[in-house]
Amino acid sequence: MSDVRYGALGDAKKAVRAYIHEHLAISVASVDAEPAFQLEVDFARFLRTRGVEENLASELSAEQYALVERKVSDHVNRWFAHGLAPPLGFQVDNEKTIITWRHDRYEELTGHVPIPETHFKAAGWIADHLNRAFLLPCACYLRALGCDPIFITDGARDEGIDLIGLIRGGPLRSMVLYVQAKSQSRMSGDELLREFSKFASLPQTDKHLRYLDALGVSRLKDGASFVYLCLVNGDFDFAAETHGRNLGALLRSRRQIADQLSQHYSQDRLDQLGQTIVMPTGADLGRNLAPVLSP
């Protein structure tokens, strides 16, 4: 049931969810993140930006602090679950204070290893690539994973696949990656189901044979494995994560893409690629992008 005190935010749960996803997650993952702030004060400030009167915002923030604290803890744990150190943490001796990666004493005050600034610069670069331009960060991600060749397949009747790549060497040699690229802040479970259903029918099509031929799969001497990889310029909701496990879909959020790009590319190189590489207007199985995407 909605609570008129929260105005357009609806109720406490919706307000806290909006605070985490639309404010906190973005602000702490920015190169301009504040080194430290009071969580209760920050939530009250967020409520005021959404039309809640100042005194009421302070009252609601105090009232819902336990919920806010729990959801912030969930957000911290989400970074760990993605194999990454989080960019924020509660101050060990003052749990109402949030310390971010920008703080000079981040590890001492939170117990977490800080993420380097290069990660957040790469994440900002990814965030700037919207709609079709998001294919470039996705192609760079495939290159960072060791794919060569890499082809853009996004176009009419692409069976839900926007890029394809073949890992050329290493222990995962001969793995084929079918990529769905989504330039959006959050992907739902229902949307993942719809997209995966398109991919599920791909092996029965002639287009699948053309994809395999372009990648040179017929020339492989050690077999091949096929992976559905969904990349988003944001994050996935809980239902999408559940469906991903059940379907066998590999999910990668912006933070995970940024992690790989920051390890393989300098920021200057990413900026250069952003200025010089133009994604084709449709599918192009004749142009291998891997050579021009070298780190």
C-alpha atoms as a PDB file:
ATOM      1  CA  MET A   1       0.000   0.000   0.000  1.00  0.00           C
ATOM      2  CA  SER A   2       1.303   3.423  -0.893  1.00  0.00           C
ATOM      3  CA  ASP A   3       2.206   5.952   1.794  1.00  0.00           C
ATOM      4  CA  VAL A   4       1.282   9.549   0.975  1.00  0.00           C
ATOM      5  CA  ARG A   5       4.269  10.761   2.980  1.00  0.00           C
ATOM      6  CA  TYR A   6       6.609   9.476   0.262  1.00  0.00           C
ATOM      7  CA  GLY A   7       4.774  11.235  -2.554  1.00  0.00           C
ATOM      8  CA  ALA A   8       5.706   9.945  -5.995  1.00  0.00           C
ATOM      9  CA  LEU A   9       8.105   7.413  -4.445  1.00  0.00           C
ATOM     10  CA  GLY A  10       5.107   5.430  -3.224  1.00  0.00           C
ATOM     11  CA  ASP A  11       6.218   3.794   0.029  1.00  0.00           C
ATOM     12  CA  ALA A  12       9.274   3.047   2.139  1.00  0.00           C
ATOM     13  CA  LYS A  13      10.423  -0.032   0.191  1.00  0.00           C
ATOM     14  CA  LYS A  14      10.129   1.717  -3.165  1.00  0.00           C
ATOM     15  CA  ALA A  15      11.868   4.808  -1.804  1.00  0.00           C
ATOM     16  CA  VAL A  16      14.798   2.796  -0.459  1.00  0.00           C
ATOM     17  CA  ARG A  17      15.041   0.809  -3.705  1.00  0.00           C
ATOM     18  CA  ALA A  18      15.122   4.043  -5.700  1.00  0.00           C
ATOM     19  CA  TYR A  19      17.753   5.471  -3.368  1.00  0.00           C
ATOM     20  CA  ILE A  20      20.037   2.470  -3.856  1.00  0.00           C
ATOM     21  CA  HIS A  21      19.644   2.013  -7.618  1.00  0.00           C
ATOM     22  CA  GLU A  22      19.113   5.586  -8.797  1.00  0.00           C
ATOM     23  CA  HIS A  23      21.432   7.449  -6.442  1.00  0.00           C
ATOM     24  CA  LEU A  24      23.814   5.543  -4.172  1.00  0.00           C
ATOM     25  CA  ALA A  25      24.981   2.922  -6.696  1.00  0.00           C
ATOM     26  CA  ILE A  26      25.739   5.670  -9.205  1.00  0.00           C
ATOM     27  CA  SER A  27      27.290   8.255  -6.872  1.00  0.00           C
ATOM     28  CA  VAL A  28      29.771   5.905  -5.169  1.00  0.00           C
ATOM     29  CA  ALA A  29      30.902   4.424  -8.496  1.00  0.00           C
ATOM     30  CA  SER A  30      31.862   7.823  -9.866  1.00  0.00           C
ATOM     31  CA  VAL A  31      35.274   9.454 -10.049  1.00  0.00           C
ATOM     32  CA  ASP A  32      33.602  12.357  -8.210  1.00  0.00           C
ATOM     33  CA  ALA A  33      32.387  10.210  -5.294  1.00  0.00           C
ATOM     34  CA  GLU A  34      32.412  11.815  -1.855  1.00  0.00           C
ATOM     35  CA  PRO A  35      35.086  10.242   0.388  1.00  0.00           C
ATOM     36  CA  ALA A  36      32.595   9.807   3.249  1.00  0.00           C
ATOM     37  CA  PHE A  37      29.019  10.683   4.185  1.00  0.00           C
ATOM     38  CA  GLN A  38      26.376   9.982   6.797  1.00  0.00           C
ATOM     39  CA  LEU A  39      23.929   7.403   5.457  1.00  0.00           C
ATOM     40  CA  GLU A  40      20.863   8.739   7.276  1.00  0.00           C
ATOM     41  CA  VAL A  41      21.588  12.286   6.143  1.00  0.00           C
ATOM     42  CA  ASP A  42      22.188  11.172   2.562  1.00  0.00           C
ATOM     43  CA  PHE A  43      18.893   9.279   2.397  1.00  0.00           C
ATOM     44  CA  ALA A  44      17.042  12.325   3.756  1.00  0.00           C
ATOM     45  CA  ARG A  45      18.734  14.459   1.098  1.00  0.00           C
ATOM     46  CA  PHE A  46      17.601  12.009  -1.582  1.00  0.00           C
ATOM     47  CA  LEU A  47      14.003  12.152  -0.317  1.00  0.00           C
ATOM     48  CA  ARG A  48      14.069  15.946  -0.542  1.00  0.00           C
ATOM     49  CA  THR A  49      15.177  15.741  -4.191  1.00  0.00           C
ATOM     50  CA  ARG A  50      12.057  13.631  -4.808  1.00  0.00           C
ATOM     51  CA  GLY A  51       9.681  16.213  -3.404  1.00  0.00           C
ATOM     52  CA  VAL A  52       9.491  15.242   0.275  1.00  0.00           C
ATOM     53  CA  GLU A  53       9.412  18.237   2.630  1.00  0.00           C
ATOM     54  CA  GLU A  54      12.652  18.770   4.594  1.00  0.00           C
ATOM     55  CA  ASN A  55      11.444  17.999   8.128  1.00  0.00           C
ATOM     56  CA  LEU A  56       9.424  15.012   6.930  1.00  0.00           C
ATOM     57  CA  ALA A  57      12.415  13.727   4.949  1.00  0.00           C
ATOM     58  CA  SER A  58      14.557  13.719   8.104  1.00  0.00           C
ATOM     59  CA  GLU A  59      11.792  11.953  10.034  1.00  0.00           C
ATOM     60  CA  LEU A  60      11.329   9.279   7.369  1.00  0.00           C
ATOM     61  CA  SER A  61      15.067   8.739   7.036  1.00  0.00           C
ATOM     62  CA  ALA A  62      15.395   8.046  10.765  1.00  0.00           C
ATOM     63  CA  GLU A  63      12.304   5.831  10.690  1.00  0.00           C
ATOM     64  CA  GLN A  64      13.583   3.692   7.802  1.00  0.00           C
ATOM     65  CA  TYR A  65      17.277   3.698   8.674  1.00  0.00           C
ATOM     66  CA  ALA A  66      17.393  -0.028   9.495  1.00  0.00           C
ATOM     67  CA  LEU A  67      15.950  -0.868   6.073  1.00  0.00           C
ATOM     68  CA  VAL A  68      18.343   1.516   4.306  1.00  0.00           C
ATOM     69  CA  GLU A  69      21.309   0.042   6.162  1.00  0.00           C
ATOM     70  CA  ARG A  70      20.279  -3.495   5.239  1.00  0.00           C
ATOM     71  CA  LYS A  71      19.868  -2.638   1.554  1.00  0.00           C
ATOM     72  CA  VAL A  72      23.227  -0.865   1.474  1.00  0.00           C
ATOM     73  CA  SER A  73      24.784  -4.016   2.963  1.00  0.00           C
ATOM     74  CA  ASP A  74      23.086  -6.020   0.206  1.00  0.00           C
ATOM     75  CA  HIS A  75      24.583  -3.667  -2.380  1.00  0.00           C
ATOM     76  CA  VAL A  76      28.071  -4.094  -0.903  1.00  0.00           C
ATOM     77  CA  ASN A  77      27.651  -7.872  -0.961  1.00  0.00           C
ATOM     78  CA  ARG A  78      26.509  -7.687  -4.576  1.00  0.00           C
ATOM     79  CA  TRP A  79      29.938  -6.394  -5.596  1.00  0.00           C
ATOM     80  CA  PHE A  80      31.565  -9.276  -3.751  1.00  0.00           C
ATOM     81  CA  ALA A  81      29.165 -11.700  -5.463  1.00  0.00           C
ATOM     82  CA  HIS A  82      30.349 -10.366  -8.827  1.00  0.00           C
ATOM     83  CA  GLY A  83      33.953 -11.127  -7.905  1.00  0.00           C
ATOM     84  CA  LEU A  84      34.853  -7.498  -7.218  1.00  0.00           C
ATOM     85  CA  ALA A  85      35.841  -5.437  -4.205  1.00  0.00           C
ATOM     86  CA  PRO A  86      33.053  -2.936  -3.386  1.00  0.00           C
ATOM     87  CA  PRO A  87      33.501   0.825  -3.809  1.00  0.00           C
ATOM     88  CA  LEU A  88      31.913   1.579  -0.434  1.00  0.00           C
ATOM     89  CA  GLY A  89      31.646   0.184   3.064  1.00  0.00           C
ATOM     90  CA  PHE A  90      30.471   1.032   6.546  1.00  0.00           C
ATOM     91  CA  GLN A  91      33.078   2.610   8.796  1.00  0.00           C
ATOM     92  CA  VAL A  92      34.115  -0.148  11.188  1.00  0.00           C
ATOM     93  CA  ASP A  93      33.743   1.938  14.354  1.00  0.00           C
ATOM     94  CA  ASN A  94      30.761   4.023  13.157  1.00  0.00           C
ATOM     95  CA  GLU A  95      28.216   2.085  11.115  1.00  0.00           C
ATOM     96  CA  LYS A  96      26.215   5.172  10.203  1.00  0.00           C
ATOM     97  CA  THR A  97      29.152   6.521   8.208  1.00  0.00           C
ATOM     98  CA  ILE A  98      29.762   5.328   4.655  1.00  0.00           C
ATOM     99  CA  ILE A  99      33.351   5.376   3.400  1.00  0.00           C
ATOM    100  CA  THR A 100      33.946   5.262  -0.346  1.00  0.00           C
ATOM    101  CA  TRP A 101      36.930   4.202  -2.415  1.00  0.00           C
ATOM    102  CA  ARG A 102      37.888   7.886  -2.741  1.00  0.00           C
ATOM    103  CA  HIS A 103      38.901   8.035   0.938  1.00  0.00           C
ATOM    104  CA  ASP A 104      42.654   7.939   1.593  1.00  0.00           C
ATOM    105  CA  ARG A 105      42.104   5.471   4.459  1.00  0.00           C
ATOM    106  CA  TYR A 106      39.426   3.352   2.765  1.00  0.00           C
ATOM    107  CA  GLU A 107      40.976  -0.040   3.510  1.00  0.00           C
ATOM    108  CA  GLU A 108      41.823   0.893   7.089  1.00  0.00           C
ATOM    109  CA  LEU A 109      38.337   2.236   7.847  1.00  0.00           C
ATOM    110  CA  THR A 110      36.254  -0.432   6.063  1.00  0.00           C
ATOM    111  CA  GLY A 111      38.439  -3.518   5.815  1.00  0.00           C
ATOM    112  CA  HIS A 112      37.902  -3.616   2.034  1.00  0.00           C
ATOM    113  CA  VAL A 113      40.641  -3.394  -0.581  1.00  0.00           C
ATOM    114  CA  PRO A 114      40.031  -0.249  -2.676  1.00  0.00           C
ATOM    115  CA  ILE A 115      39.280  -0.475  -6.386  1.00  0.00           C
ATOM    116  CA  PRO A 116      41.663   1.622  -8.531  1.00  0.00           C
ATOM    117  CA  GLU A 117      40.397   4.800 -10.132  1.00  0.00           C
ATOM    118  CA  THR A 118      40.954   3.275 -13.572  1.00  0.00           C
ATOM    119  CA  HIS A 119      37.940   1.021 -12.946  1.00  0.00           C
ATOM    120  CA  PHE A 120      35.586   3.964 -12.470  1.00  0.00           C
ATOM    121  CA  LYS A 121      36.998   5.846 -15.433  1.00  0.00           C
ATOM    122  CA  ALA A 122      36.334   2.797 -17.600  1.00  0.00           C
ATOM    123  CA  ALA A 123      32.842   2.490 -16.120  1.00  0.00           C
ATOM    124  CA  GLY A 124      32.167   6.146 -16.972  1.00  0.00           C
ATOM    125  CA  TRP A 125      33.353   5.539 -20.528  1.00  0.00           C
ATOM    126  CA  ILE A 126      30.991   2.568 -20.832  1.00  0.00           C
ATOM    127  CA  ALA A 127      28.096   4.578 -19.396  1.00  0.00           C
ATOM    128  CA  ASP A 128      28.594   7.225 -22.089  1.00  0.00           C
ATOM    129  CA  HIS A 129      28.021   4.651 -24.853  1.00  0.00           C
ATOM    130  CA  LEU A 130      24.278   4.301 -25.255  1.00  0.00           C
ATOM    131  CA  ASN A 131      22.045   2.489 -27.720  1.00  0.00           C
ATOM    132  CA  ARG A 132      24.014   1.154 -30.697  1.00  0.00           C
ATOM    133  CA  ALA A 133      27.224   2.787 -29.459  1.00  0.00           C
ATOM    134  CA  PHE A 134      27.170   0.310 -26.557  1.00  0.00           C
ATOM    135  CA  LEU A 135      28.290  -2.341 -29.041  1.00  0.00           C
ATOM    136  CA  LEU A 136      31.795  -0.839 -28.890  1.00  0.00           C
ATOM    137  CA  PRO A 137      32.364  -1.499 -25.142  1.00  0.00           C
ATOM    138  CA  CYS A 138      30.885  -4.965 -25.662  1.00  0.00           C
ATOM    139  CA  ALA A 139      33.280  -5.665 -28.540  1.00  0.00           C
ATOM    140  CA  CYS A 140      36.179  -4.417 -26.407  1.00  0.00           C
ATOM    141  CA  TYR A 141      35.053  -6.751 -23.639  1.00  0.00           C
ATOM    142  CA  LEU A 142      35.175  -9.691 -26.047  1.00  0.00           C
ATOM    143  CA  ARG A 143      38.655  -8.597 -27.134  1.00  0.00           C
ATOM    144  CA  ALA A 144      39.748  -8.436 -23.488  1.00  0.00           C
ATOM    145  CA  LEU A 145      38.514 -12.008 -23.046  1.00  0.00           C
ATOM    146  CA  GLY A 146      40.742 -13.108 -25.912  1.00  0.00           C
ATOM    147  CA  CYS A 147      38.204 -13.247 -28.743  1.00  0.00           C
ATOM    148  CA  ASP A 148      39.440 -13.122 -32.327  1.00  0.00           C
ATOM    149  CA  PRO A 149      37.503 -12.903 -34.591  1.00  0.00           C
ATOM    150  CA  ILE A 150      34.734 -10.598 -33.371  1.00  0.00           C
ATOM    151  CA  PHE A 151      31.771  -9.724 -35.593  1.00  0.00           C
ATOM    152  CA  ILE A 152      28.772  -7.424 -35.244  1.00  0.00           C
ATOM    153  CA  THR A 153      25.569  -9.373 -35.947  1.00  0.00           C
ATOM    154  CA  ASP A 154      23.017  -6.835 -34.715  1.00  0.00           C
ATOM    155  CA  GLY A 155      20.421  -6.231 -37.416  1.00  0.00           C
ATOM    156  CA  ALA A 156      17.197  -7.519 -38.892  1.00  0.00           C
ATOM    157  CA  ARG A 157      16.388 -11.103 -37.827  1.00  0.00           C
ATOM    158  CA  ASP A 158      19.570 -11.489 -35.782  1.00  0.00           C
ATOM    159  CA  GLU A 159      17.880 -14.030 -33.461  1.00  0.00           C
ATOM    160  CA  GLY A 160      18.635 -11.791 -30.498  1.00  0.00           C
ATOM    161  CA  ILE A 161      22.406 -11.886 -31.004  1.00  0.00           C
ATOM    162  CA  ASP A 162      24.293  -8.605 -31.385  1.00  0.00           C
ATOM    163  CA  LEU A 163      27.916  -9.795 -31.446  1.00  0.00           C
ATOM    164  CA  ILE A 164      29.750 -13.074 -31.816  1.00  0.00           C
ATOM    165  CA  GLY A 165      33.289 -13.939 -30.875  1.00  0.00           C
ATOM    166  CA  LEU A 166      35.636 -16.909 -30.687  1.00  0.00           C
ATOM    167  CA  ILE A 167      38.235 -17.226 -27.934  1.00  0.00           C
ATOM    168  CA  ARG A 168      41.372 -17.999 -29.890  1.00  0.00           C
ATOM    169  CA  GLY A 169      43.812 -19.275 -27.267  1.00  0.00           C
ATOM    170  CA  GLY A 170      44.362 -20.210 -23.642  1.00  0.00           C
ATOM    171  CA  PRO A 171      42.475 -22.731 -21.496  1.00  0.00           C
ATOM    172  CA  LEU A 172      39.121 -21.578 -22.914  1.00  0.00           C
ATOM    173  CA  ARG A 173      40.276 -21.855 -26.507  1.00  0.00           C
ATOM    174  CA  SER A 174      37.494 -22.634 -29.027  1.00  0.00           C
ATOM    175  CA  MET A 175      34.707 -21.181 -26.909  1.00  0.00           C
ATOM    176  CA  VAL A 176      32.092 -19.361 -28.994  1.00  0.00           C
ATOM    177  CA  LEU A 177      30.396 -16.380 -27.362  1.00  0.00           C
ATOM    178  CA  TYR A 178      26.953 -15.257 -28.520  1.00  0.00           C
ATOM    179  CA  VAL A 179      26.355 -11.777 -27.107  1.00  0.00           C
ATOM    180  CA  GLN A 180      23.143  -9.928 -26.396  1.00  0.00           C
ATOM    181  CA  ALA A 181      23.975  -6.264 -25.681  1.00  0.00           C
ATOM    182  CA  LYS A 182      21.462  -4.146 -23.779  1.00  0.00           C
ATOM    183  CA  SER A 183      22.053  -0.437 -23.272  1.00  0.00           C
ATOM    184  CA  GLN A 184      19.846   0.081 -20.225  1.00  0.00           C
ATOM    185  CA  SER A 185      20.214   0.753 -16.532  1.00  0.00           C
ATOM    186  CA  ARG A 186      18.523  -2.430 -15.343  1.00  0.00           C
ATOM    187  CA  MET A 187      17.447  -5.665 -17.024  1.00  0.00           C
ATOM    188  CA  SER A 188      14.463  -7.573 -15.687  1.00  0.00           C
ATOM    189  CA  GLY A 189      13.925 -11.297 -15.513  1.00  0.00           C
ATOM    190  CA  ASP A 190      11.077 -11.142 -18.008  1.00  0.00           C
ATOM    191  CA  GLU A 191      13.260  -9.356 -20.535  1.00  0.00           C
ATOM    192  CA  LEU A 192      16.053 -11.893 -20.134  1.00  0.00           C
ATOM    193  CA  LEU A 193      13.557 -14.702 -20.756  1.00  0.00           C
ATOM    194  CA  ARG A 194      12.347 -13.011 -23.946  1.00  0.00           C
ATOM    195  CA  GLU A 195      15.863 -12.454 -25.243  1.00  0.00           C
ATOM    196  CA  PHE A 196      17.065 -15.952 -24.392  1.00  0.00           C
ATOM    197  CA  SER A 197      14.053 -17.499 -26.153  1.00  0.00           C
ATOM    198  CA  LYS A 198      15.270 -15.904 -29.400  1.00  0.00           C
ATOM    199  CA  PHE A 199      18.711 -17.392 -28.919  1.00  0.00           C
ATOM    200  CA  ALA A 200      17.238 -20.821 -28.106  1.00  0.00           C
ATOM    201  CA  SER A 201      15.891 -21.081 -31.636  1.00  0.00           C
ATOM    202  CA  LEU A 202      19.158 -19.980 -33.285  1.00  0.00           C
ATOM    203  CA  PRO A 203      20.660 -23.475 -33.856  1.00  0.00           C
ATOM    204  CA  GLN A 204      17.684 -24.354 -36.104  1.00  0.00           C
ATOM    205  CA  THR A 205      18.375 -21.467 -38.479  1.00  0.00           C
ATOM    206  CA  ASP A 206      20.637 -20.980 -41.489  1.00  0.00           C
ATOM    207  CA  LYS A 207      21.919 -17.841 -39.796  1.00  0.00           C
ATOM    208  CA  HIS A 208      23.559 -19.992 -37.140  1.00  0.00           C
ATOM    209  CA  LEU A 209      25.536 -21.797 -39.824  1.00  0.00           C
ATOM    210  CA  ARG A 210      26.661 -18.446 -41.237  1.00  0.00           C
ATOM    211  CA  TYR A 211      27.778 -17.330 -37.778  1.00  0.00           C
ATOM    212  CA  LEU A 212      29.805 -20.506 -37.289  1.00  0.00           C
ATOM    213  CA  ASP A 213      31.316 -20.220 -40.752  1.00  0.00           C
ATOM    214  CA  ALA A 214      32.369 -16.602 -40.143  1.00  0.00           C
ATOM    215  CA  LEU A 215      34.051 -17.623 -36.881  1.00  0.00           C
ATOM    216  CA  GLY A 216      35.847 -20.519 -38.549  1.00  0.00           C
ATOM    217  CA  VAL A 217      34.396 -23.149 -36.217  1.00  0.00           C
ATOM    218  CA  SER A 218      34.598 -25.860 -38.911  1.00  0.00           C
ATOM    219  CA  ARG A 219      38.389 -25.563 -38.836  1.00  0.00           C
ATOM    220  CA  LEU A 220      38.732 -26.152 -35.093  1.00  0.00           C
ATOM    221  CA  LYS A 221      40.481 -29.394 -34.127  1.00  0.00           C
ATOM    222  CA  ASP A 222      39.615 -29.482 -30.437  1.00  0.00           C
ATOM    223  CA  GLY A 223      35.832 -29.148 -30.413  1.00  0.00           C
ATOM    224  CA  ALA A 224      33.825 -26.067 -29.525  1.00  0.00           C
ATOM    225  CA  SER A 225      31.627 -24.826 -26.699  1.00  0.00           C
ATOM    226  CA  PHE A 226      28.831 -22.275 -27.000  1.00  0.00           C
ATOM    227  CA  VAL A 227      28.005 -19.619 -24.402  1.00  0.00           C
ATOM    228  CA  TYR A 228      25.147 -17.112 -24.275  1.00  0.00           C
ATOM    229  CA  LEU A 229      26.496 -13.889 -22.799  1.00  0.00           C
ATOM    230  CA  CYS A 230      24.192 -11.004 -21.866  1.00  0.00           C
ATOM    231  CA  LEU A 231      25.930  -7.654 -21.345  1.00  0.00           C
ATOM    232  CA  VAL A 232      24.109  -4.628 -19.917  1.00  0.00           C
ATOM    233  CA  ASN A 233      25.149  -1.017 -19.491  1.00  0.00           C
ATOM    234  CA  GLY A 234      23.839  -1.180 -15.939  1.00  0.00           C
ATOM    235  CA  ASP A 235      22.741  -4.131 -13.819  1.00  0.00           C
ATOM    236  CA  PHE A 236      20.356  -7.094 -13.560  1.00  0.00           C
ATOM    237  CA  ASP A 237      17.471  -7.514 -11.155  1.00  0.00           C
ATOM    238  CA  PHE A 238      17.095 -10.503  -8.836  1.00  0.00           C
ATOM    239  CA  ALA A 239      14.751 -12.356 -11.195  1.00  0.00           C
ATOM    240  CA  ALA A 240      17.204 -12.003 -14.099  1.00  0.00           C
ATOM    241  CA  GLU A 241      19.975 -13.510 -11.960  1.00  0.00           C
ATOM    242  CA  THR A 242      17.721 -16.454 -11.076  1.00  0.00           C
ATOM    243  CA  HIS A 243      16.754 -17.018 -14.714  1.00  0.00           C
ATOM    244  CA  GLY A 244      20.391 -16.728 -15.761  1.00  0.00           C
ATOM    245  CA  ARG A 245      21.339 -19.616 -13.497  1.00  0.00           C
ATOM    246  CA  ASN A 246      18.401 -21.742 -14.607  1.00  0.00           C
ATOM    247  CA  LEU A 247      18.833 -21.062 -18.331  1.00  0.00           C
ATOM    248  CA  GLY A 248      22.595 -21.256 -18.489  1.00  0.00           C
ATOM    249  CA  ALA A 249      22.933 -17.597 -19.497  1.00  0.00           C
ATOM    250  CA  LEU A 250      26.087 -15.763 -18.459  1.00  0.00           C
ATOM    251  CA  LEU A 251      25.287 -12.259 -17.153  1.00  0.00           C
ATOM    252  CA  ARG A 252      27.739  -9.373 -17.003  1.00  0.00           C
ATOM    253  CA  SER A 253      26.926  -5.923 -15.622  1.00  0.00           C
ATOM    254  CA  ARG A 254      28.671  -2.637 -16.298  1.00  0.00           C
ATOM    255  CA  ARG A 255      30.877  -3.071 -13.232  1.00  0.00           C
ATOM    256  CA  GLN A 256      32.124  -6.425 -14.512  1.00  0.00           C
ATOM    257  CA  ILE A 257      32.725  -5.097 -18.014  1.00  0.00           C
ATOM    258  CA  ALA A 258      34.615  -2.130 -16.537  1.00  0.00           C
ATOM    259  CA  ASP A 259      36.745  -4.481 -14.452  1.00  0.00           C
ATOM    260  CA  GLN A 260      38.053  -6.250 -17.570  1.00  0.00           C
ATOM    261  CA  LEU A 261      38.436  -3.131 -19.690  1.00  0.00           C
ATOM    262  CA  SER A 262      40.391  -1.317 -16.975  1.00  0.00           C
ATOM    263  CA  GLN A 263      42.783  -4.267 -16.714  1.00  0.00           C
ATOM    264  CA  HIS A 264      43.421  -4.524 -20.465  1.00  0.00           C
ATOM    265  CA  TYR A 265      43.013  -0.989 -21.835  1.00  0.00           C
ATOM    266  CA  SER A 266      44.415   2.376 -20.824  1.00  0.00           C
ATOM    267  CA  GLN A 267      41.910   5.203 -20.594  1.00  0.00           C
ATOM    268  CA  ASP A 268      43.649   6.972 -23.462  1.00  0.00           C
ATOM    269  CA  ARG A 269      43.188   3.878 -25.615  1.00  0.00           C
ATOM    270  CA  LEU A 270      39.481   3.634 -24.753  1.00  0.00           C
ATOM    271  CA  ASP A 271      39.015   7.306 -25.575  1.00  0.00           C
ATOM    272  CA  GLN A 272      40.831   6.802 -28.854  1.00  0.00           C
ATOM    273  CA  LEU A 273      38.624   3.850 -29.782  1.00  0.00           C
ATOM    274  CA  GLY A 274      35.530   5.838 -28.889  1.00  0.00           C
ATOM    275  CA  GLN A 275      36.615   8.600 -31.270  1.00  0.00           C
ATOM    276  CA  THR A 276      37.765   6.433 -34.183  1.00  0.00           C
ATOM    277  CA  ILE A 277      35.719   3.226 -34.259  1.00  0.00           C
ATOM    278  CA  VAL A 278      32.277   3.493 -35.808  1.00  0.00           C
ATOM    279  CA  MET A 279      29.936   0.554 -35.376  1.00  0.00           C
ATOM    280  CA  PRO A 280      28.400  -0.690 -38.643  1.00  0.00           C
ATOM    281  CA  THR A 281      24.769   0.251 -39.215  1.00  0.00           C
ATOM    282  CA  GLY A 282      23.836  -3.419 -39.544  1.00  0.00           C
ATOM    283  CA  ALA A 283      25.287  -6.891 -39.279  1.00  0.00           C
ATOM    284  CA  ASP A 284      28.736  -7.283 -40.826  1.00  0.00           C
ATOM    285  CA  LEU A 285      30.203 -10.796 -40.978  1.00  0.00           C
ATOM    286  CA  GLY A 286      32.914  -9.630 -43.326  1.00  0.00           C
ATOM    287  CA  ARG A 287      34.764  -7.340 -40.934  1.00  0.00           C
ATOM    288  CA  ASN A 288      36.658  -8.824 -38.005  1.00  0.00           C
ATOM    289  CA  LEU A 289      36.867  -6.076 -35.374  1.00  0.00           C
ATOM    290  CA  ALA A 290      39.478  -7.797 -33.204  1.00  0.00           C
ATOM    291  CA  PRO A 291      42.587  -6.311 -34.919  1.00  0.00           C
ATOM    292  CA  VAL A 292      41.388  -2.716 -34.573  1.00  0.00           C
ATOM    293  CA  LEU A 293      40.377  -3.215 -30.929  1.00  0.00           C
ATOM    294  CA  SER A 294      43.810  -4.235 -29.679  1.00  0.00           C
ATOM    295  CA  PRO A 295      44.611  -2.772 -26.218  1.00  0.00           C
END
